[in-house]
């Protein structure tokens, strides 16, 4: 049985049908503290009624005192500063809902470029940080991002925008199903395998060794 969790971060709140569908269909909703007020303003329009998040997590520096008092029953105050609120929310979901089968993160991009880059890069770190990690992605109005750790087949459909990133400049990724093959790409800067397009329904990526990469699809 699929049991999904959605984490709402404080970037651009989604407006397109697919991310809103993920939110409406979620079994578990966790808000970062800085996203909670945005969520409340949109809640009735999205759900047609009240659907409070199961938890609101963070250091609470961006949450007003009235909201903290009114929703004290679902506030999770995390004071440690070694991880950002997105990571705290992922950790909370894994710790409290071990049967979750997929995690979608909304609002992780937009507004601040530094937050966007940091949040996207964390998708490649979570498999190292958490022993039992279900499929996890970041979804926005503009695309979906997820980590790939070894050779894989991606059933994504032809004609989609496709960008590939890796922090490992020793990694080589041979590709099939992309308009511009990545076989000779050296991942020594972020742009090196971006702005590609899928030319087949299935994209095959063959890693030279297990490592970390990030795929962003439209």
N, C-alpha and C. Protein backbone atom coordinates (compact mmCIF):
# COMPACT_ATOMS: atom_id res chain seq x y z
N UNK A 1 0.84 -1.20 0.00
CA UNK A 1 0.00 0.00 0.00
C UNK A 1 0.87 1.25 0.00
N UNK A 2 0.62 2.14 -0.94
CA UNK A 2 1.39 3.38 -1.03
C UNK A 2 0.94 4.36 0.05
N UNK A 3 1.91 4.89 0.76
CA UNK A 3 1.63 5.89 1.80
C UNK A 3 2.58 7.05 1.56
N UNK A 4 2.02 8.19 1.17
CA UNK A 4 2.85 9.30 0.72
C UNK A 4 2.91 10.41 1.77
N UNK A 5 4.06 11.06 1.79
CA UNK A 5 4.25 12.24 2.64
C UNK A 5 4.64 13.41 1.76
N UNK A 6 4.11 14.57 2.07
CA UNK A 6 4.49 15.80 1.40
C UNK A 6 5.06 16.76 2.44
N UNK A 7 6.22 17.32 2.12
CA UNK A 7 6.86 18.35 2.94
C UNK A 7 6.69 19.68 2.21
N UNK A 8 6.22 20.68 2.91
CA UNK A 8 6.02 22.00 2.31
C UNK A 8 7.08 22.94 2.84
N UNK A 9 7.95 23.41 1.96
CA UNK A 9 9.00 24.35 2.32
C UNK A 9 8.58 25.77 1.93
N UNK A 10 9.47 26.73 2.17
CA UNK A 10 9.07 28.14 2.15
C UNK A 10 9.41 28.87 0.86
N UNK A 11 9.73 28.14 -0.21
CA UNK A 11 9.97 28.80 -1.49
C UNK A 11 8.66 29.12 -2.18
N UNK A 12 8.68 29.07 -3.51
CA UNK A 12 7.46 29.35 -4.28
C UNK A 12 6.41 28.28 -4.02
N UNK A 13 5.26 28.69 -3.53
CA UNK A 13 4.17 27.73 -3.29
C UNK A 13 3.62 27.31 -4.66
N UNK A 14 3.45 26.01 -4.89
CA UNK A 14 3.02 25.58 -6.23
C UNK A 14 1.60 26.02 -6.58
N UNK A 15 1.38 26.16 -7.88
CA UNK A 15 0.05 26.52 -8.38
C UNK A 15 -0.43 25.57 -9.47
N UNK A 16 0.47 24.77 -10.04
CA UNK A 16 0.11 23.89 -11.15
C UNK A 16 -0.59 22.61 -10.64
N UNK A 17 -1.34 21.95 -11.52
CA UNK A 17 -2.14 20.80 -11.08
C UNK A 17 -1.34 19.66 -10.46
N UNK A 18 -0.18 19.30 -11.03
CA UNK A 18 0.51 18.12 -10.52
C UNK A 18 1.01 18.28 -9.08
N UNK A 19 1.76 19.33 -8.75
CA UNK A 19 2.17 19.46 -7.34
C UNK A 19 0.99 19.63 -6.39
N UNK A 20 -0.05 20.33 -6.82
CA UNK A 20 -1.23 20.47 -5.96
C UNK A 20 -1.94 19.13 -5.78
N UNK A 21 -1.95 18.30 -6.81
CA UNK A 21 -2.50 16.95 -6.66
C UNK A 21 -1.72 16.16 -5.62
N UNK A 22 -0.39 16.25 -5.65
CA UNK A 22 0.43 15.54 -4.66
C UNK A 22 0.06 15.98 -3.25
N UNK A 23 -0.15 17.28 -3.08
CA UNK A 23 -0.52 17.80 -1.77
C UNK A 23 -1.90 17.29 -1.35
N UNK A 24 -2.85 17.37 -2.25
CA UNK A 24 -4.21 16.93 -1.93
C UNK A 24 -4.28 15.43 -1.62
N UNK A 25 -3.44 14.64 -2.27
CA UNK A 25 -3.47 13.19 -2.12
C UNK A 25 -2.59 12.68 -0.98
N UNK A 26 -1.84 13.56 -0.33
CA UNK A 26 -0.87 13.12 0.67
C UNK A 26 -1.55 12.52 1.90
N UNK A 27 -0.95 11.46 2.41
CA UNK A 27 -1.40 10.87 3.68
C UNK A 27 -0.84 11.66 4.86
N UNK A 28 0.35 12.22 4.68
CA UNK A 28 1.04 12.95 5.74
C UNK A 28 1.51 14.27 5.15
N UNK A 29 1.28 15.36 5.86
CA UNK A 29 1.77 16.67 5.45
C UNK A 29 2.58 17.28 6.58
N UNK A 30 3.79 17.69 6.27
CA UNK A 30 4.66 18.36 7.24
C UNK A 30 5.08 19.69 6.65
N UNK A 31 4.88 20.77 7.39
CA UNK A 31 5.28 22.11 6.95
C UNK A 31 6.56 22.54 7.66
N UNK A 32 7.47 23.12 6.93
CA UNK A 32 8.54 23.89 7.57
C UNK A 32 7.91 25.13 8.19
N UNK A 33 8.47 25.59 9.30
CA UNK A 33 7.81 26.68 10.03
C UNK A 33 7.60 27.92 9.18
N UNK A 34 8.56 28.23 8.31
CA UNK A 34 8.45 29.43 7.49
C UNK A 34 7.45 29.29 6.36
N UNK A 35 6.95 28.08 6.13
CA UNK A 35 5.94 27.85 5.10
C UNK A 35 4.53 27.76 5.66
N UNK A 36 4.39 27.68 6.97
CA UNK A 36 3.10 27.37 7.57
C UNK A 36 2.05 28.45 7.29
N UNK A 37 2.42 29.71 7.41
CA UNK A 37 1.45 30.79 7.18
C UNK A 37 0.96 30.76 5.72
N UNK A 38 1.87 30.51 4.77
CA UNK A 38 1.47 30.39 3.37
C UNK A 38 0.47 29.24 3.20
N UNK A 39 0.78 28.13 3.83
CA UNK A 39 -0.08 26.96 3.73
C UNK A 39 -1.48 27.28 4.25
N UNK A 40 -1.55 27.92 5.40
CA UNK A 40 -2.86 28.23 5.98
C UNK A 40 -3.68 29.15 5.07
N UNK A 41 -3.04 30.10 4.41
CA UNK A 41 -3.76 31.02 3.53
C UNK A 41 -4.36 30.31 2.32
N UNK A 42 -3.77 29.19 1.92
CA UNK A 42 -4.20 28.48 0.71
C UNK A 42 -5.00 27.21 1.02
N UNK A 43 -5.02 26.82 2.26
CA UNK A 43 -5.54 25.51 2.66
C UNK A 43 -6.97 25.27 2.19
N UNK A 44 -7.88 26.20 2.46
CA UNK A 44 -9.28 25.99 2.12
C UNK A 44 -9.50 25.95 0.61
N UNK A 45 -8.75 26.73 -0.13
CA UNK A 45 -8.89 26.73 -1.58
C UNK A 45 -8.39 25.41 -2.17
N UNK A 46 -7.33 24.87 -1.61
CA UNK A 46 -6.75 23.64 -2.13
C UNK A 46 -7.58 22.42 -1.75
N UNK A 47 -8.02 22.36 -0.50
CA UNK A 47 -8.68 21.16 0.02
C UNK A 47 -10.20 21.30 0.09
N UNK A 48 -10.72 22.51 -0.08
CA UNK A 48 -12.15 22.72 0.08
C UNK A 48 -12.60 22.67 1.52
N UNK A 49 -11.68 22.86 2.43
CA UNK A 49 -11.96 22.82 3.86
C UNK A 49 -10.67 22.79 4.62
N UNK A 50 -10.75 22.48 5.90
CA UNK A 50 -9.55 22.47 6.74
C UNK A 50 -8.79 21.16 6.60
N UNK A 51 -7.53 21.25 6.29
CA UNK A 51 -6.61 20.10 6.32
C UNK A 51 -5.30 20.60 6.89
N UNK A 52 -5.21 20.57 8.22
CA UNK A 52 -4.01 21.06 8.88
C UNK A 52 -2.87 20.08 8.66
N UNK A 53 -1.64 20.59 8.62
CA UNK A 53 -0.50 19.68 8.51
C UNK A 53 -0.37 18.85 9.78
N UNK A 54 0.21 17.68 9.64
CA UNK A 54 0.40 16.80 10.79
C UNK A 54 1.49 17.32 11.73
N UNK A 55 2.41 18.11 11.19
CA UNK A 55 3.46 18.70 12.01
C UNK A 55 3.97 19.96 11.34
N UNK A 56 4.44 20.90 12.15
CA UNK A 56 5.12 22.11 11.69
C UNK A 56 6.47 22.12 12.37
N UNK A 57 7.53 22.09 11.59
CA UNK A 57 8.84 21.83 12.16
C UNK A 57 9.83 22.95 11.82
N UNK A 58 10.70 23.26 12.76
CA UNK A 58 11.75 24.26 12.56
C UNK A 58 12.13 24.89 13.88
N UNK A 59 12.96 25.93 13.80
CA UNK A 59 13.38 26.62 15.02
C UNK A 59 12.38 27.68 15.45
N UNK A 60 11.33 27.88 14.67
CA UNK A 60 10.20 28.76 14.98
C UNK A 60 10.56 30.25 14.95
N UNK A 61 11.72 30.58 14.40
CA UNK A 61 12.10 31.99 14.36
C UNK A 61 11.27 32.77 13.34
N UNK A 62 10.64 32.07 12.40
CA UNK A 62 9.85 32.75 11.38
C UNK A 62 8.35 32.54 11.56
N UNK A 63 7.95 31.97 12.68
CA UNK A 63 6.53 31.73 12.94
C UNK A 63 6.05 32.66 14.04
N UNK A 64 4.96 33.37 13.80
CA UNK A 64 4.47 34.35 14.77
C UNK A 64 4.02 33.68 16.07
N UNK A 65 4.06 34.42 17.15
CA UNK A 65 3.61 33.88 18.43
C UNK A 65 2.15 33.47 18.42
N UNK A 66 1.25 34.25 17.79
CA UNK A 66 -0.14 33.80 17.74
C UNK A 66 -0.31 32.44 17.04
N UNK A 67 0.42 32.23 15.95
CA UNK A 67 0.33 30.94 15.27
C UNK A 67 0.93 29.83 16.13
N UNK A 68 2.02 30.14 16.81
CA UNK A 68 2.62 29.11 17.69
C UNK A 68 1.66 28.71 18.79
N UNK A 69 0.94 29.68 19.34
CA UNK A 69 -0.02 29.36 20.40
C UNK A 69 -1.22 28.60 19.85
N UNK A 70 -1.74 29.06 18.71
CA UNK A 70 -2.96 28.47 18.16
C UNK A 70 -2.77 27.03 17.69
N UNK A 71 -1.54 26.71 17.26
CA UNK A 71 -1.30 25.37 16.71
C UNK A 71 -0.21 24.64 17.49
N UNK A 72 -0.19 24.87 18.79
CA UNK A 72 0.85 24.29 19.64
C UNK A 72 0.84 22.76 19.60
N UNK A 73 -0.31 22.16 19.30
CA UNK A 73 -0.41 20.70 19.32
C UNK A 73 0.36 20.04 18.19
N UNK A 74 0.76 20.81 17.17
CA UNK A 74 1.49 20.19 16.06
C UNK A 74 2.84 20.85 15.80
N UNK A 75 3.25 21.72 16.71
CA UNK A 75 4.55 22.38 16.59
C UNK A 75 5.66 21.43 17.05
N UNK A 76 6.70 21.28 16.22
CA UNK A 76 7.89 20.50 16.57
C UNK A 76 9.07 21.46 16.55
N UNK A 77 9.51 21.85 17.75
CA UNK A 77 10.55 22.86 17.87
C UNK A 77 11.92 22.20 17.78
N UNK A 78 12.64 22.48 16.72
CA UNK A 78 13.99 21.94 16.49
C UNK A 78 14.99 23.07 16.58
N UNK A 79 15.86 23.03 17.55
CA UNK A 79 16.78 24.15 17.76
C UNK A 79 18.14 23.93 17.12
N UNK A 80 18.49 22.71 16.76
CA UNK A 80 19.84 22.48 16.20
C UNK A 80 19.97 23.20 14.85
N UNK A 81 21.16 23.69 14.57
CA UNK A 81 21.39 24.53 13.39
C UNK A 81 22.32 23.86 12.38
N UNK A 82 22.59 22.57 12.56
CA UNK A 82 23.48 21.87 11.63
C UNK A 82 22.76 21.48 10.34
N UNK A 83 21.43 21.46 10.38
CA UNK A 83 20.65 21.07 9.21
C UNK A 83 19.55 22.09 8.97
N UNK A 84 19.15 22.24 7.71
CA UNK A 84 18.09 23.19 7.42
C UNK A 84 16.72 22.57 7.70
N UNK A 85 15.68 23.38 7.58
CA UNK A 85 14.34 22.90 7.94
C UNK A 85 13.85 21.79 7.01
N UNK A 86 14.24 21.84 5.75
CA UNK A 86 13.86 20.75 4.85
C UNK A 86 14.38 19.42 5.38
N UNK A 87 15.65 19.40 5.77
CA UNK A 87 16.25 18.17 6.27
C UNK A 87 15.62 17.74 7.59
N UNK A 88 15.31 18.69 8.45
CA UNK A 88 14.64 18.36 9.70
C UNK A 88 13.28 17.73 9.43
N UNK A 89 12.59 18.24 8.41
CA UNK A 89 11.28 17.69 8.07
C UNK A 89 11.41 16.27 7.52
N UNK A 90 12.41 16.03 6.67
CA UNK A 90 12.64 14.67 6.16
C UNK A 90 12.94 13.73 7.33
N UNK A 91 13.79 14.16 8.22
CA UNK A 91 14.14 13.33 9.38
C UNK A 91 12.92 13.03 10.23
N UNK A 92 12.06 14.03 10.40
CA UNK A 92 10.85 13.84 11.20
C UNK A 92 9.93 12.81 10.54
N UNK A 93 9.72 12.94 9.24
CA UNK A 93 8.85 11.99 8.54
C UNK A 93 9.38 10.57 8.68
N UNK A 94 10.67 10.38 8.46
CA UNK A 94 11.25 9.04 8.54
C UNK A 94 11.17 8.47 9.94
N UNK A 95 11.32 9.34 10.95
CA UNK A 95 11.29 8.88 12.33
C UNK A 95 9.90 8.56 12.85
N UNK A 96 8.90 9.29 12.35
CA UNK A 96 7.54 9.14 12.89
C UNK A 96 6.62 8.33 11.98
N UNK A 97 7.01 8.16 10.72
CA UNK A 97 6.16 7.42 9.78
C UNK A 97 7.04 6.43 9.01
N UNK A 98 7.52 5.39 9.68
CA UNK A 98 8.46 4.48 9.03
C UNK A 98 7.86 3.70 7.87
N UNK A 99 6.54 3.69 7.75
CA UNK A 99 5.90 2.97 6.65
C UNK A 99 5.69 3.84 5.41
N UNK A 100 6.19 5.07 5.43
CA UNK A 100 5.98 5.95 4.28
C UNK A 100 6.72 5.36 3.07
N UNK A 101 6.06 5.42 1.90
CA UNK A 101 6.63 4.78 0.71
C UNK A 101 7.16 5.79 -0.30
N UNK A 102 6.83 7.05 -0.16
CA UNK A 102 7.42 8.09 -1.01
C UNK A 102 7.26 9.44 -0.34
N UNK A 103 8.22 10.32 -0.61
CA UNK A 103 8.22 11.67 -0.04
C UNK A 103 8.36 12.67 -1.17
N UNK A 104 7.46 13.64 -1.22
CA UNK A 104 7.53 14.73 -2.18
C UNK A 104 7.73 16.03 -1.42
N UNK A 105 8.65 16.85 -1.88
CA UNK A 105 8.93 18.13 -1.26
C UNK A 105 8.46 19.23 -2.20
N UNK A 106 7.58 20.08 -1.71
CA UNK A 106 7.06 21.22 -2.48
C UNK A 106 7.60 22.51 -1.89
N UNK A 107 7.70 23.55 -2.69
CA UNK A 107 8.15 24.85 -2.18
C UNK A 107 9.62 24.90 -1.82
N UNK A 108 10.41 23.98 -2.35
CA UNK A 108 11.84 23.95 -2.03
C UNK A 108 12.66 24.83 -2.95
N UNK A 109 12.04 25.34 -4.02
CA UNK A 109 12.76 26.15 -5.00
C UNK A 109 12.07 27.51 -5.15
N UNK A 110 12.75 28.42 -5.83
CA UNK A 110 12.20 29.76 -6.04
C UNK A 110 12.56 30.71 -4.91
N UNK A 111 12.27 31.96 -5.10
CA UNK A 111 12.52 33.06 -4.16
C UNK A 111 14.02 33.28 -3.96
N UNK A 112 14.70 32.42 -3.22
CA UNK A 112 16.13 32.60 -2.96
C UNK A 112 16.94 31.55 -3.70
N UNK A 113 17.89 32.01 -4.53
CA UNK A 113 18.70 31.07 -5.32
C UNK A 113 19.55 30.18 -4.42
N UNK A 114 20.07 30.75 -3.30
CA UNK A 114 20.94 29.94 -2.44
C UNK A 114 20.15 28.81 -1.78
N UNK A 115 18.91 29.10 -1.35
CA UNK A 115 18.09 28.05 -0.78
C UNK A 115 17.75 26.99 -1.84
N UNK A 116 17.45 27.43 -3.05
CA UNK A 116 17.13 26.50 -4.12
C UNK A 116 18.28 25.53 -4.38
N UNK A 117 19.48 26.07 -4.54
CA UNK A 117 20.65 25.23 -4.81
C UNK A 117 20.92 24.28 -3.65
N UNK A 118 20.84 24.81 -2.44
CA UNK A 118 21.08 23.97 -1.26
C UNK A 118 20.06 22.86 -1.14
N UNK A 119 18.79 23.18 -1.31
CA UNK A 119 17.74 22.17 -1.17
C UNK A 119 17.86 21.09 -2.24
N UNK A 120 18.12 21.48 -3.47
CA UNK A 120 18.28 20.48 -4.54
C UNK A 120 19.48 19.58 -4.28
N UNK A 121 20.59 20.16 -3.85
CA UNK A 121 21.79 19.34 -3.62
C UNK A 121 21.59 18.35 -2.48
N UNK A 122 20.74 18.69 -1.53
CA UNK A 122 20.49 17.78 -0.41
C UNK A 122 19.85 16.47 -0.86
N UNK A 123 19.14 16.47 -1.99
CA UNK A 123 18.58 15.21 -2.48
C UNK A 123 19.67 14.17 -2.70
N UNK A 124 20.89 14.62 -3.04
CA UNK A 124 21.99 13.68 -3.24
C UNK A 124 22.63 13.26 -1.93
N UNK A 125 22.38 14.00 -0.85
CA UNK A 125 22.96 13.68 0.45
C UNK A 125 22.07 12.76 1.27
N UNK A 126 20.76 12.84 1.07
CA UNK A 126 19.85 12.09 1.95
C UNK A 126 20.08 10.58 1.93
N UNK A 127 20.43 9.96 0.80
CA UNK A 127 20.72 8.52 0.86
C UNK A 127 21.89 8.19 1.79
N UNK A 128 22.84 9.10 1.93
CA UNK A 128 23.95 8.89 2.86
C UNK A 128 23.54 9.13 4.31
N UNK A 129 22.62 10.07 4.49
CA UNK A 129 22.24 10.48 5.84
C UNK A 129 21.24 9.53 6.49
N UNK A 130 20.37 8.93 5.67
CA UNK A 130 19.26 8.14 6.22
C UNK A 130 19.33 6.72 5.66
N UNK A 131 19.35 5.76 6.57
CA UNK A 131 19.56 4.36 6.17
C UNK A 131 18.41 3.82 5.34
N UNK A 132 17.20 4.11 5.73
CA UNK A 132 16.02 3.60 5.00
C UNK A 132 15.28 4.79 4.40
N UNK A 133 15.61 5.10 3.17
CA UNK A 133 15.03 6.27 2.52
C UNK A 133 14.16 5.83 1.35
N UNK A 134 12.86 6.12 1.39
CA UNK A 134 12.01 5.81 0.24
C UNK A 134 12.30 6.79 -0.89
N UNK A 135 11.74 6.57 -2.08
CA UNK A 135 11.89 7.54 -3.16
C UNK A 135 11.49 8.94 -2.70
N UNK A 136 12.35 9.90 -3.01
CA UNK A 136 12.13 11.27 -2.55
C UNK A 136 12.45 12.22 -3.70
N UNK A 137 11.63 13.24 -3.89
CA UNK A 137 11.90 14.20 -4.95
C UNK A 137 11.45 15.59 -4.52
N UNK A 138 11.89 16.56 -5.29
CA UNK A 138 11.45 17.95 -5.16
C UNK A 138 10.62 18.27 -6.39
N UNK A 139 9.38 18.72 -6.18
CA UNK A 139 8.47 19.00 -7.27
C UNK A 139 8.06 20.47 -7.20
N UNK A 140 8.12 21.14 -8.34
CA UNK A 140 7.69 22.53 -8.43
C UNK A 140 6.76 22.68 -9.63
N UNK A 141 6.33 23.90 -9.90
CA UNK A 141 5.53 24.17 -11.09
C UNK A 141 6.32 23.94 -12.38
N UNK A 142 7.64 23.84 -12.27
CA UNK A 142 8.48 23.79 -13.46
C UNK A 142 9.16 22.46 -13.69
N UNK A 143 9.10 21.55 -12.72
CA UNK A 143 9.75 20.27 -12.94
C UNK A 143 9.89 19.46 -11.67
N UNK A 144 10.55 18.32 -11.83
CA UNK A 144 10.78 17.37 -10.75
C UNK A 144 12.26 17.04 -10.69
N UNK A 145 12.83 17.03 -9.51
CA UNK A 145 14.24 16.72 -9.30
C UNK A 145 14.37 15.52 -8.39
N UNK A 146 15.32 14.65 -8.71
CA UNK A 146 15.57 13.48 -7.87
C UNK A 146 17.01 13.02 -8.06
N UNK A 147 17.50 12.28 -7.09
CA UNK A 147 18.87 11.81 -7.11
C UNK A 147 18.96 10.45 -7.80
N UNK A 148 20.10 10.21 -8.45
CA UNK A 148 20.44 8.92 -9.03
C UNK A 148 21.82 8.56 -8.51
N UNK A 149 21.98 7.34 -8.00
CA UNK A 149 23.22 6.95 -7.32
C UNK A 149 24.03 5.92 -8.08
N UNK A 150 23.48 5.37 -9.15
CA UNK A 150 24.19 4.35 -9.93
C UNK A 150 23.47 4.20 -11.26
N UNK A 151 23.97 3.31 -12.10
CA UNK A 151 23.37 3.08 -13.41
C UNK A 151 21.89 2.77 -13.26
N UNK A 152 21.08 3.30 -14.19
CA UNK A 152 19.63 3.15 -14.04
C UNK A 152 18.93 3.35 -15.37
N UNK A 153 17.68 2.90 -15.44
CA UNK A 153 16.78 3.20 -16.54
C UNK A 153 15.67 4.10 -16.02
N UNK A 154 15.40 5.18 -16.72
CA UNK A 154 14.36 6.12 -16.33
C UNK A 154 13.27 6.11 -17.40
N UNK A 155 12.08 5.72 -17.02
CA UNK A 155 10.95 5.68 -17.95
C UNK A 155 10.23 7.04 -17.87
N UNK A 156 10.68 7.95 -18.71
CA UNK A 156 10.25 9.35 -18.55
C UNK A 156 9.45 9.88 -19.73
N UNK A 157 9.53 9.22 -20.88
CA UNK A 157 8.84 9.72 -22.06
C UNK A 157 9.72 10.61 -22.91
N UNK A 158 9.51 10.58 -24.20
CA UNK A 158 10.32 11.37 -25.13
C UNK A 158 9.87 12.82 -25.15
N UNK A 159 10.81 13.70 -25.49
CA UNK A 159 10.49 15.11 -25.69
C UNK A 159 10.50 15.95 -24.44
N UNK A 160 11.05 15.43 -23.36
CA UNK A 160 11.07 16.20 -22.11
C UNK A 160 12.42 16.88 -21.91
N UNK A 161 12.39 18.04 -21.28
CA UNK A 161 13.64 18.71 -20.92
C UNK A 161 14.32 17.90 -19.81
N UNK A 162 15.63 17.79 -19.91
CA UNK A 162 16.37 16.88 -19.03
C UNK A 162 17.71 17.51 -18.71
N UNK A 163 17.99 17.72 -17.43
CA UNK A 163 19.30 18.23 -16.99
C UNK A 163 19.89 17.28 -15.98
N UNK A 164 21.21 17.16 -16.02
CA UNK A 164 21.93 16.21 -15.18
C UNK A 164 23.09 16.94 -14.51
N UNK A 165 23.22 16.75 -13.21
CA UNK A 165 24.27 17.40 -12.42
C UNK A 165 24.98 16.33 -11.59
N UNK A 166 26.25 16.57 -11.29
CA UNK A 166 26.95 15.73 -10.32
C UNK A 166 28.08 16.53 -9.69
N UNK A 167 28.33 16.34 -8.37
CA UNK A 167 29.47 16.98 -7.73
C UNK A 167 30.76 16.17 -7.86
N UNK A 168 30.70 15.03 -8.55
CA UNK A 168 31.84 14.11 -8.64
C UNK A 168 32.49 14.27 -10.01
N UNK A 169 33.62 14.96 -10.06
CA UNK A 169 34.25 15.19 -11.36
C UNK A 169 35.02 13.99 -11.88
N UNK A 170 35.07 12.90 -11.09
CA UNK A 170 35.66 11.66 -11.60
C UNK A 170 34.61 10.75 -12.23
N UNK A 171 33.34 11.12 -12.11
CA UNK A 171 32.25 10.29 -12.62
C UNK A 171 32.06 10.53 -14.13
N UNK A 172 31.88 9.42 -14.85
CA UNK A 172 31.47 9.50 -16.25
C UNK A 172 30.13 8.80 -16.36
N UNK A 173 29.22 9.40 -17.10
CA UNK A 173 27.88 8.85 -17.26
C UNK A 173 27.61 8.67 -18.76
N UNK A 174 27.55 7.43 -19.18
CA UNK A 174 27.17 7.14 -20.55
C UNK A 174 25.65 7.14 -20.65
N UNK A 175 25.11 7.76 -21.68
CA UNK A 175 23.65 7.92 -21.76
C UNK A 175 23.11 7.37 -23.07
N UNK A 176 21.89 6.87 -23.01
CA UNK A 176 21.09 6.52 -24.18
C UNK A 176 19.71 7.16 -23.99
N UNK A 177 19.14 7.64 -25.09
CA UNK A 177 17.82 8.23 -25.02
C UNK A 177 17.82 9.72 -24.77
N UNK A 178 18.98 10.36 -24.89
CA UNK A 178 19.07 11.81 -24.78
C UNK A 178 19.51 12.39 -26.13
N UNK A 179 19.04 13.58 -26.44
CA UNK A 179 19.39 14.21 -27.71
C UNK A 179 20.88 14.43 -27.82
N UNK A 180 21.52 14.84 -26.73
CA UNK A 180 22.96 15.03 -26.71
C UNK A 180 23.56 14.08 -25.68
N UNK A 181 24.27 13.04 -26.11
CA UNK A 181 24.84 12.06 -25.16
C UNK A 181 25.78 12.73 -24.16
N UNK A 182 25.82 12.15 -22.98
CA UNK A 182 26.65 12.70 -21.91
C UNK A 182 27.96 11.93 -21.74
N UNK A 183 28.27 11.03 -22.67
CA UNK A 183 29.40 10.10 -22.50
C UNK A 183 30.72 10.81 -22.20
N UNK A 184 30.96 11.95 -22.82
CA UNK A 184 32.25 12.63 -22.67
C UNK A 184 32.20 13.81 -21.70
N UNK A 185 31.11 13.97 -20.99
CA UNK A 185 30.98 15.10 -20.08
C UNK A 185 31.86 14.90 -18.85
N UNK A 186 32.63 15.92 -18.51
CA UNK A 186 33.37 15.97 -17.24
C UNK A 186 32.57 16.89 -16.31
N UNK A 187 32.13 16.35 -15.19
CA UNK A 187 31.26 17.11 -14.28
C UNK A 187 32.09 18.01 -13.37
N UNK A 188 32.68 19.03 -13.96
CA UNK A 188 33.50 19.96 -13.19
C UNK A 188 32.84 21.34 -13.08
N UNK A 189 31.61 21.45 -13.55
CA UNK A 189 30.82 22.66 -13.32
C UNK A 189 29.36 22.31 -13.51
N UNK A 190 28.47 23.14 -12.95
CA UNK A 190 27.06 22.78 -12.87
C UNK A 190 26.37 22.70 -14.23
N UNK A 191 26.83 23.48 -15.20
CA UNK A 191 26.11 23.60 -16.46
C UNK A 191 26.41 22.47 -17.44
N UNK A 192 27.40 21.62 -17.15
CA UNK A 192 28.00 20.76 -18.16
C UNK A 192 27.03 19.78 -18.82
N UNK A 193 25.98 19.32 -18.15
CA UNK A 193 25.04 18.36 -18.78
C UNK A 193 23.61 18.85 -18.62
N UNK A 194 23.44 20.16 -18.67
CA UNK A 194 22.10 20.74 -18.53
C UNK A 194 21.47 21.00 -19.90
N UNK A 195 20.18 21.35 -19.88
CA UNK A 195 19.45 21.81 -21.07
C UNK A 195 19.44 20.77 -22.18
N UNK A 196 19.36 19.51 -21.79
CA UNK A 196 19.25 18.42 -22.74
C UNK A 196 17.77 18.12 -22.98
N UNK A 197 17.48 17.11 -23.78
CA UNK A 197 16.10 16.71 -24.06
C UNK A 197 16.06 15.20 -24.30
N UNK A 198 15.01 14.57 -23.80
CA UNK A 198 14.89 13.12 -24.01
C UNK A 198 14.45 12.86 -25.46
N UNK A 199 15.10 11.88 -26.09
CA UNK A 199 14.77 11.51 -27.47
C UNK A 199 14.08 10.16 -27.55
N UNK A 200 13.87 9.50 -26.40
CA UNK A 200 13.20 8.21 -26.34
C UNK A 200 12.40 8.14 -25.05
N UNK A 201 11.50 7.18 -24.98
CA UNK A 201 10.69 7.04 -23.77
C UNK A 201 11.51 6.62 -22.57
N UNK A 202 12.59 5.86 -22.81
CA UNK A 202 13.45 5.37 -21.73
C UNK A 202 14.82 5.99 -21.87
N UNK A 203 15.32 6.57 -20.79
CA UNK A 203 16.69 7.10 -20.73
C UNK A 203 17.51 6.13 -19.89
N UNK A 204 18.62 5.68 -20.46
CA UNK A 204 19.53 4.79 -19.74
C UNK A 204 20.80 5.56 -19.38
N UNK A 205 21.13 5.54 -18.10
CA UNK A 205 22.35 6.18 -17.62
C UNK A 205 23.26 5.10 -17.06
N UNK A 206 24.48 5.03 -17.55
CA UNK A 206 25.44 4.03 -17.09
C UNK A 206 26.60 4.75 -16.41
N UNK A 207 26.71 4.54 -15.09
CA UNK A 207 27.74 5.21 -14.30
C UNK A 207 29.06 4.44 -14.39
N UNK A 208 30.16 5.18 -14.40
CA UNK A 208 31.48 4.54 -14.33
C UNK A 208 31.74 3.93 -12.96
N UNK A 209 31.08 4.44 -11.94
CA UNK A 209 31.16 3.90 -10.59
C UNK A 209 29.99 4.47 -9.79
N UNK A 210 29.56 3.80 -8.72
CA UNK A 210 28.49 4.36 -7.89
C UNK A 210 28.88 5.74 -7.38
N UNK A 211 27.99 6.68 -7.49
CA UNK A 211 28.30 8.04 -7.09
C UNK A 211 27.00 8.79 -6.83
N UNK A 212 27.00 10.10 -7.11
CA UNK A 212 25.83 10.93 -6.87
C UNK A 212 25.58 11.80 -8.10
N UNK A 213 24.33 11.84 -8.51
CA UNK A 213 23.92 12.73 -9.58
C UNK A 213 22.50 13.19 -9.30
N UNK A 214 22.15 14.31 -9.92
CA UNK A 214 20.83 14.88 -9.77
C UNK A 214 20.21 15.06 -11.14
N UNK A 215 18.99 14.55 -11.29
CA UNK A 215 18.23 14.71 -12.53
C UNK A 215 17.13 15.74 -12.29
N UNK A 216 16.96 16.67 -13.23
CA UNK A 216 15.83 17.58 -13.21
C UNK A 216 15.09 17.45 -14.54
N UNK A 217 13.81 17.07 -14.44
CA UNK A 217 12.93 16.90 -15.59
C UNK A 217 11.86 17.98 -15.58
N UNK A 218 11.41 18.38 -16.78
CA UNK A 218 10.29 19.31 -16.82
C UNK A 218 8.99 18.58 -16.53
